[in-house]
Amino acid sequence: MSAKQILLIDDENRLARIVDVCLRRLGGWSVSIAGSGTEGLLHAETKRPDAILLDVMLPDTDGLHLLQQLRANPNTRSIPVILLTAKIDAVTPTQIQAFDIAGVIYKPFDPYKLADQVAEMLGWQI
């Protein structure tokens, strides 16, 4: 069985490197990184990852707006999405349910627990 593919959409290079290392080493998953919403949307449409970690605040779009685009596209509609945010009130329970969000991880997070959090939210085994 091949490794699960995760797409990280986040413009913070340092954070992206940390997430990449944690998910590869501790989760055993393959990680692709997109630094903008436009790049992330294109990657999601063409590569169809097993899951997406999506920053709520991106330079070219709002993460929730990008999530709406993902959900409107038949090719990306069913990809599970976990939101990453530094704002506690960035996502409401109503939005979580409406957009079928798999979970929310708040920054700063514990890098050593990140893979476990992602696995739990997605129902994956490590």
N, C-alpha and C. Protein backbone atom coordinates (compact mmCIF):
# COMPACT_ATOMS: atom_id res chain seq x y z
N MET A 1 0.84 -1.17 0.00
CA MET A 1 0.00 0.00 0.00
C MET A 1 0.90 1.24 0.00
N SER A 2 0.56 2.23 -0.83
CA SER A 2 1.37 3.44 -0.90
C SER A 2 0.98 4.41 0.21
N ALA A 3 1.90 5.33 0.50
CA ALA A 3 1.68 6.31 1.56
C ALA A 3 0.55 7.26 1.20
N LYS A 4 -0.20 7.68 2.19
CA LYS A 4 -1.23 8.69 1.99
C LYS A 4 -0.57 9.97 1.51
N GLN A 5 -1.27 10.69 0.65
CA GLN A 5 -0.78 11.96 0.11
C GLN A 5 -1.52 13.11 0.79
N ILE A 6 -0.77 14.03 1.37
CA ILE A 6 -1.36 15.20 2.02
C ILE A 6 -0.88 16.44 1.30
N LEU A 7 -1.80 17.34 1.02
CA LEU A 7 -1.48 18.64 0.45
C LEU A 7 -1.58 19.68 1.56
N LEU A 8 -0.49 20.39 1.80
CA LEU A 8 -0.48 21.49 2.75
C LEU A 8 -0.55 22.79 1.96
N ILE A 9 -1.56 23.60 2.25
CA ILE A 9 -1.68 24.91 1.60
C ILE A 9 -1.44 25.95 2.68
N ASP A 10 -0.24 26.53 2.67
CA ASP A 10 0.17 27.50 3.70
C ASP A 10 1.32 28.32 3.14
N ASP A 11 1.27 29.62 3.38
CA ASP A 11 2.29 30.52 2.83
C ASP A 11 3.48 30.74 3.76
N GLU A 12 3.43 30.22 4.97
CA GLU A 12 4.54 30.39 5.92
C GLU A 12 5.56 29.27 5.69
N ASN A 13 6.69 29.61 5.06
CA ASN A 13 7.69 28.60 4.69
C ASN A 13 8.22 27.81 5.87
N ARG A 14 8.51 28.49 6.96
CA ARG A 14 9.06 27.80 8.14
C ARG A 14 8.07 26.78 8.70
N LEU A 15 6.83 27.21 8.83
CA LEU A 15 5.79 26.34 9.34
C LEU A 15 5.57 25.17 8.37
N ALA A 16 5.59 25.44 7.08
CA ALA A 16 5.39 24.39 6.08
C ALA A 16 6.47 23.32 6.19
N ARG A 17 7.70 23.74 6.42
CA ARG A 17 8.80 22.77 6.57
C ARG A 17 8.60 21.91 7.81
N ILE A 18 8.17 22.53 8.90
CA ILE A 18 7.91 21.78 10.14
C ILE A 18 6.80 20.76 9.92
N VAL A 19 5.70 21.19 9.32
CA VAL A 19 4.58 20.28 9.05
C VAL A 19 5.04 19.13 8.15
N ASP A 20 5.78 19.46 7.12
CA ASP A 20 6.28 18.46 6.18
C ASP A 20 7.10 17.39 6.91
N VAL A 21 8.06 17.82 7.70
CA VAL A 21 8.93 16.88 8.42
C VAL A 21 8.11 16.03 9.39
N CYS A 22 7.23 16.65 10.14
CA CYS A 22 6.43 15.92 11.14
C CYS A 22 5.53 14.87 10.48
N LEU A 23 4.85 15.25 9.41
CA LEU A 23 3.93 14.31 8.78
C LEU A 23 4.65 13.20 8.04
N ARG A 24 5.81 13.51 7.48
CA ARG A 24 6.58 12.46 6.78
C ARG A 24 7.20 11.48 7.79
N ARG A 25 7.85 12.03 8.80
CA ARG A 25 8.58 11.16 9.74
C ARG A 25 7.69 10.47 10.75
N LEU A 26 6.74 11.20 11.30
CA LEU A 26 5.90 10.63 12.35
C LEU A 26 4.64 9.96 11.81
N GLY A 27 4.16 10.43 10.65
CA GLY A 27 2.95 9.85 10.08
C GLY A 27 3.23 8.86 8.96
N GLY A 28 4.40 9.02 8.33
CA GLY A 28 4.73 8.15 7.21
C GLY A 28 4.02 8.53 5.93
N TRP A 29 3.53 9.76 5.85
CA TRP A 29 2.78 10.21 4.69
C TRP A 29 3.64 11.04 3.76
N SER A 30 3.20 11.15 2.53
CA SER A 30 3.84 12.01 1.54
C SER A 30 3.18 13.38 1.61
N VAL A 31 3.99 14.44 1.57
CA VAL A 31 3.46 15.80 1.72
C VAL A 31 3.87 16.65 0.53
N SER A 32 2.90 17.36 -0.04
CA SER A 32 3.15 18.37 -1.07
C SER A 32 2.77 19.71 -0.46
N ILE A 33 3.49 20.75 -0.84
CA ILE A 33 3.25 22.07 -0.26
C ILE A 33 2.89 23.06 -1.35
N ALA A 34 1.83 23.81 -1.13
CA ALA A 34 1.43 24.90 -2.01
C ALA A 34 1.47 26.18 -1.17
N GLY A 35 2.13 27.21 -1.69
CA GLY A 35 2.30 28.45 -0.94
C GLY A 35 1.22 29.48 -1.14
N SER A 36 0.22 29.17 -1.95
CA SER A 36 -0.88 30.11 -2.18
C SER A 36 -2.15 29.32 -2.44
N GLY A 37 -3.28 30.02 -2.35
CA GLY A 37 -4.55 29.37 -2.63
C GLY A 37 -4.67 28.93 -4.08
N THR A 38 -4.19 29.77 -4.98
CA THR A 38 -4.24 29.45 -6.41
C THR A 38 -3.45 28.19 -6.71
N GLU A 39 -2.23 28.12 -6.18
CA GLU A 39 -1.38 26.94 -6.38
C GLU A 39 -2.02 25.71 -5.73
N GLY A 40 -2.58 25.89 -4.54
CA GLY A 40 -3.21 24.77 -3.83
C GLY A 40 -4.42 24.22 -4.56
N LEU A 41 -5.23 25.11 -5.10
CA LEU A 41 -6.43 24.69 -5.83
C LEU A 41 -6.03 23.89 -7.07
N LEU A 42 -5.06 24.37 -7.81
CA LEU A 42 -4.58 23.67 -8.99
C LEU A 42 -4.01 22.30 -8.63
N HIS A 43 -3.22 22.25 -7.57
CA HIS A 43 -2.64 20.98 -7.12
C HIS A 43 -3.73 20.00 -6.71
N ALA A 44 -4.71 20.49 -5.96
CA ALA A 44 -5.80 19.61 -5.50
C ALA A 44 -6.58 19.04 -6.69
N GLU A 45 -6.82 19.88 -7.70
CA GLU A 45 -7.58 19.42 -8.87
C GLU A 45 -6.81 18.40 -9.69
N THR A 46 -5.51 18.59 -9.83
CA THR A 46 -4.73 17.71 -10.70
C THR A 46 -4.20 16.46 -10.00
N LYS A 47 -3.80 16.59 -8.73
CA LYS A 47 -3.17 15.47 -8.01
C LYS A 47 -4.14 14.70 -7.13
N ARG A 48 -5.23 15.31 -6.74
CA ARG A 48 -6.24 14.71 -5.87
C ARG A 48 -5.63 14.02 -4.65
N PRO A 49 -5.11 14.80 -3.72
CA PRO A 49 -4.50 14.21 -2.52
C PRO A 49 -5.55 13.50 -1.65
N ASP A 50 -5.05 12.72 -0.70
CA ASP A 50 -5.95 12.02 0.22
C ASP A 50 -6.54 12.95 1.26
N ALA A 51 -5.84 14.07 1.53
CA ALA A 51 -6.32 15.06 2.50
C ALA A 51 -5.61 16.38 2.24
N ILE A 52 -6.22 17.45 2.74
CA ILE A 52 -5.66 18.79 2.61
C ILE A 52 -5.59 19.43 3.99
N LEU A 53 -4.43 20.01 4.30
CA LEU A 53 -4.29 20.88 5.47
C LEU A 53 -4.29 22.30 4.91
N LEU A 54 -5.25 23.11 5.32
CA LEU A 54 -5.48 24.41 4.71
C LEU A 54 -5.39 25.54 5.72
N ASP A 55 -4.46 26.45 5.49
CA ASP A 55 -4.34 27.64 6.33
C ASP A 55 -5.55 28.53 6.07
N VAL A 56 -6.10 29.11 7.11
CA VAL A 56 -7.27 29.97 6.96
C VAL A 56 -6.89 31.32 6.37
N MET A 57 -5.68 31.79 6.67
CA MET A 57 -5.25 33.11 6.19
C MET A 57 -4.14 32.94 5.15
N LEU A 58 -4.49 33.15 3.88
CA LEU A 58 -3.54 33.04 2.78
C LEU A 58 -3.37 34.41 2.11
N PRO A 59 -2.25 34.64 1.44
CA PRO A 59 -2.02 35.96 0.86
C PRO A 59 -2.95 36.31 -0.30
N ASP A 60 -3.39 35.31 -1.06
CA ASP A 60 -4.19 35.59 -2.24
C ASP A 60 -5.67 35.29 -2.08
N THR A 61 -6.05 34.65 -0.98
CA THR A 61 -7.46 34.34 -0.76
C THR A 61 -7.68 33.96 0.69
N ASP A 62 -8.88 33.98 1.10
CA ASP A 62 -9.28 33.51 2.43
C ASP A 62 -9.42 32.00 2.35
N GLY A 63 -8.92 31.28 3.35
CA GLY A 63 -8.97 29.83 3.34
C GLY A 63 -10.39 29.28 3.23
N LEU A 64 -11.35 29.95 3.86
CA LEU A 64 -12.73 29.48 3.78
C LEU A 64 -13.30 29.67 2.37
N HIS A 65 -12.88 30.74 1.69
CA HIS A 65 -13.29 30.95 0.31
C HIS A 65 -12.70 29.84 -0.58
N LEU A 66 -11.44 29.52 -0.35
CA LEU A 66 -10.81 28.43 -1.09
C LEU A 66 -11.52 27.11 -0.81
N LEU A 67 -11.90 26.90 0.43
CA LEU A 67 -12.64 25.68 0.78
C LEU A 67 -13.97 25.62 0.03
N GLN A 68 -14.64 26.75 -0.12
CA GLN A 68 -15.88 26.78 -0.92
C GLN A 68 -15.61 26.34 -2.36
N GLN A 69 -14.50 26.80 -2.91
CA GLN A 69 -14.14 26.41 -4.27
C GLN A 69 -13.84 24.91 -4.36
N LEU A 70 -13.15 24.38 -3.36
CA LEU A 70 -12.87 22.95 -3.33
C LEU A 70 -14.16 22.14 -3.26
N ARG A 71 -15.09 22.58 -2.44
CA ARG A 71 -16.35 21.85 -2.26
C ARG A 71 -17.26 21.98 -3.49
N ALA A 72 -17.12 23.05 -4.25
CA ALA A 72 -17.95 23.25 -5.44
C ALA A 72 -17.45 22.45 -6.64
N ASN A 73 -16.21 21.99 -6.59
CA ASN A 73 -15.60 21.27 -7.70
C ASN A 73 -15.81 19.77 -7.51
N PRO A 74 -16.43 19.08 -8.47
CA PRO A 74 -16.65 17.63 -8.32
C PRO A 74 -15.36 16.83 -8.13
N ASN A 75 -14.24 17.32 -8.65
CA ASN A 75 -12.96 16.61 -8.52
C ASN A 75 -12.35 16.72 -7.13
N THR A 76 -12.71 17.74 -6.37
CA THR A 76 -12.09 17.97 -5.05
C THR A 76 -13.11 17.97 -3.91
N ARG A 77 -14.36 17.84 -4.24
CA ARG A 77 -15.44 17.94 -3.26
C ARG A 77 -15.28 17.00 -2.07
N SER A 78 -14.82 15.78 -2.33
CA SER A 78 -14.80 14.76 -1.27
C SER A 78 -13.45 14.65 -0.54
N ILE A 79 -12.48 15.50 -0.89
CA ILE A 79 -11.19 15.44 -0.21
C ILE A 79 -11.35 16.01 1.21
N PRO A 80 -10.98 15.24 2.23
CA PRO A 80 -11.08 15.76 3.60
C PRO A 80 -10.15 16.95 3.79
N VAL A 81 -10.66 17.96 4.51
CA VAL A 81 -9.88 19.18 4.77
C VAL A 81 -9.80 19.43 6.26
N ILE A 82 -8.57 19.69 6.72
CA ILE A 82 -8.32 20.12 8.09
C ILE A 82 -7.81 21.55 7.99
N LEU A 83 -8.43 22.44 8.75
CA LEU A 83 -8.02 23.84 8.73
C LEU A 83 -6.91 24.08 9.75
N LEU A 84 -5.98 24.94 9.38
CA LEU A 84 -4.92 25.42 10.28
C LEU A 84 -5.18 26.89 10.51
N THR A 85 -5.21 27.33 11.76
CA THR A 85 -5.46 28.74 12.03
C THR A 85 -4.83 29.17 13.34
N ALA A 86 -4.46 30.44 13.39
CA ALA A 86 -3.93 31.02 14.61
C ALA A 86 -5.03 31.72 15.40
N LYS A 87 -6.19 31.91 14.78
CA LYS A 87 -7.30 32.60 15.43
C LYS A 87 -8.32 31.59 15.96
N ILE A 88 -8.57 31.67 17.23
CA ILE A 88 -9.52 30.75 17.86
C ILE A 88 -10.92 30.90 17.27
N ASP A 89 -11.31 32.12 16.93
CA ASP A 89 -12.66 32.36 16.42
C ASP A 89 -12.73 32.44 14.89
N ALA A 90 -11.72 31.93 14.20
CA ALA A 90 -11.68 32.02 12.73
C ALA A 90 -12.73 31.14 12.06
N VAL A 91 -13.12 30.08 12.74
CA VAL A 91 -14.07 29.12 12.16
C VAL A 91 -15.15 28.82 13.19
N THR A 92 -16.39 28.93 12.77
CA THR A 92 -17.51 28.65 13.67
C THR A 92 -17.95 27.19 13.54
N PRO A 93 -18.61 26.67 14.56
CA PRO A 93 -19.14 25.31 14.44
C PRO A 93 -20.08 25.15 13.25
N THR A 94 -20.83 26.19 12.91
CA THR A 94 -21.73 26.14 11.76
C THR A 94 -20.94 25.97 10.47
N GLN A 95 -19.81 26.70 10.34
CA GLN A 95 -18.97 26.57 9.15
C GLN A 95 -18.34 25.18 9.08
N ILE A 96 -17.92 24.66 10.22
CA ILE A 96 -17.33 23.32 10.26
C ILE A 96 -18.31 22.30 9.70
N GLN A 97 -19.56 22.41 10.10
CA GLN A 97 -20.57 21.48 9.63
C GLN A 97 -20.94 21.76 8.17
N ALA A 98 -21.13 23.02 7.81
CA ALA A 98 -21.55 23.37 6.45
C ALA A 98 -20.53 22.97 5.40
N PHE A 99 -19.25 23.12 5.72
CA PHE A 99 -18.19 22.80 4.76
C PHE A 99 -17.64 21.39 4.94
N ASP A 100 -18.22 20.64 5.85
CA ASP A 100 -17.77 19.27 6.12
C ASP A 100 -16.27 19.24 6.40
N ILE A 101 -15.85 20.08 7.34
CA ILE A 101 -14.44 20.19 7.72
C ILE A 101 -14.10 19.03 8.66
N ALA A 102 -13.01 18.34 8.35
CA ALA A 102 -12.61 17.17 9.15
C ALA A 102 -12.10 17.56 10.53
N GLY A 103 -11.57 18.77 10.66
CA GLY A 103 -11.06 19.23 11.94
C GLY A 103 -10.38 20.58 11.81
N VAL A 104 -10.01 21.12 12.96
CA VAL A 104 -9.30 22.39 13.02
C VAL A 104 -8.11 22.21 13.95
N ILE A 105 -6.93 22.60 13.48
CA ILE A 105 -5.72 22.57 14.30
C ILE A 105 -5.30 24.02 14.51
N TYR A 106 -5.15 24.38 15.77
CA TYR A 106 -4.79 25.76 16.11
C TYR A 106 -3.29 25.92 16.23
N LYS A 107 -2.80 27.01 15.65
CA LYS A 107 -1.38 27.38 15.74
C LYS A 107 -1.20 28.21 17.01
N PRO A 108 -0.14 28.07 17.72
CA PRO A 108 0.92 27.09 17.50
C PRO A 108 0.46 25.71 17.97
N PHE A 109 0.93 24.71 17.29
CA PHE A 109 0.60 23.33 17.65
C PHE A 109 1.88 22.63 18.08
N ASP A 110 1.72 21.49 18.74
CA ASP A 110 2.86 20.68 19.17
C ASP A 110 3.29 19.82 17.99
N PRO A 111 4.47 20.06 17.40
CA PRO A 111 4.90 19.30 16.23
C PRO A 111 4.93 17.79 16.47
N TYR A 112 5.23 17.38 17.70
CA TYR A 112 5.33 15.96 18.00
C TYR A 112 3.95 15.28 18.06
N LYS A 113 2.89 16.08 18.18
CA LYS A 113 1.54 15.52 18.25
C LYS A 113 0.76 15.73 16.95
N LEU A 114 1.35 16.47 16.01
CA LEU A 114 0.63 16.83 14.79
C LEU A 114 0.16 15.61 14.00
N ALA A 115 1.01 14.65 13.76
CA ALA A 115 0.62 13.46 12.98
C ALA A 115 -0.51 12.70 13.68
N ASP A 116 -0.44 12.60 15.00
CA ASP A 116 -1.51 11.93 15.74
C ASP A 116 -2.83 12.68 15.61
N GLN A 117 -2.77 14.02 15.68
CA GLN A 117 -3.98 14.83 15.52
C GLN A 117 -4.60 14.62 14.14
N VAL A 118 -3.76 14.68 13.13
CA VAL A 118 -4.25 14.51 11.76
C VAL A 118 -4.84 13.11 11.58
N ALA A 119 -4.14 12.10 12.05
CA ALA A 119 -4.63 10.73 11.94
C ALA A 119 -5.98 10.56 12.62
N GLU A 120 -6.11 11.13 13.81
CA GLU A 120 -7.36 11.03 14.55
C GLU A 120 -8.51 11.71 13.81
N MET A 121 -8.26 12.91 13.29
CA MET A 121 -9.30 13.67 12.59
C MET A 121 -9.74 12.97 11.30
N LEU A 122 -8.82 12.27 10.66
CA LEU A 122 -9.12 11.63 9.37
C LEU A 122 -9.47 10.15 9.52
N GLY A 123 -9.29 9.61 10.72
CA GLY A 123 -9.57 8.19 10.92
C GLY A 123 -8.52 7.30 10.28
N TRP A 124 -7.27 7.80 10.22
CA TRP A 124 -6.16 7.05 9.63
C TRP A 124 -5.35 6.38 10.73
N GLN A 125 -4.63 5.34 10.34
CA GLN A 125 -3.70 4.66 11.24
C GLN A 125 -2.30 5.14 10.94
N ILE A 126 -1.49 5.22 11.98
CA ILE A 126 -0.08 5.58 11.80
C ILE A 126 0.74 4.32 11.92
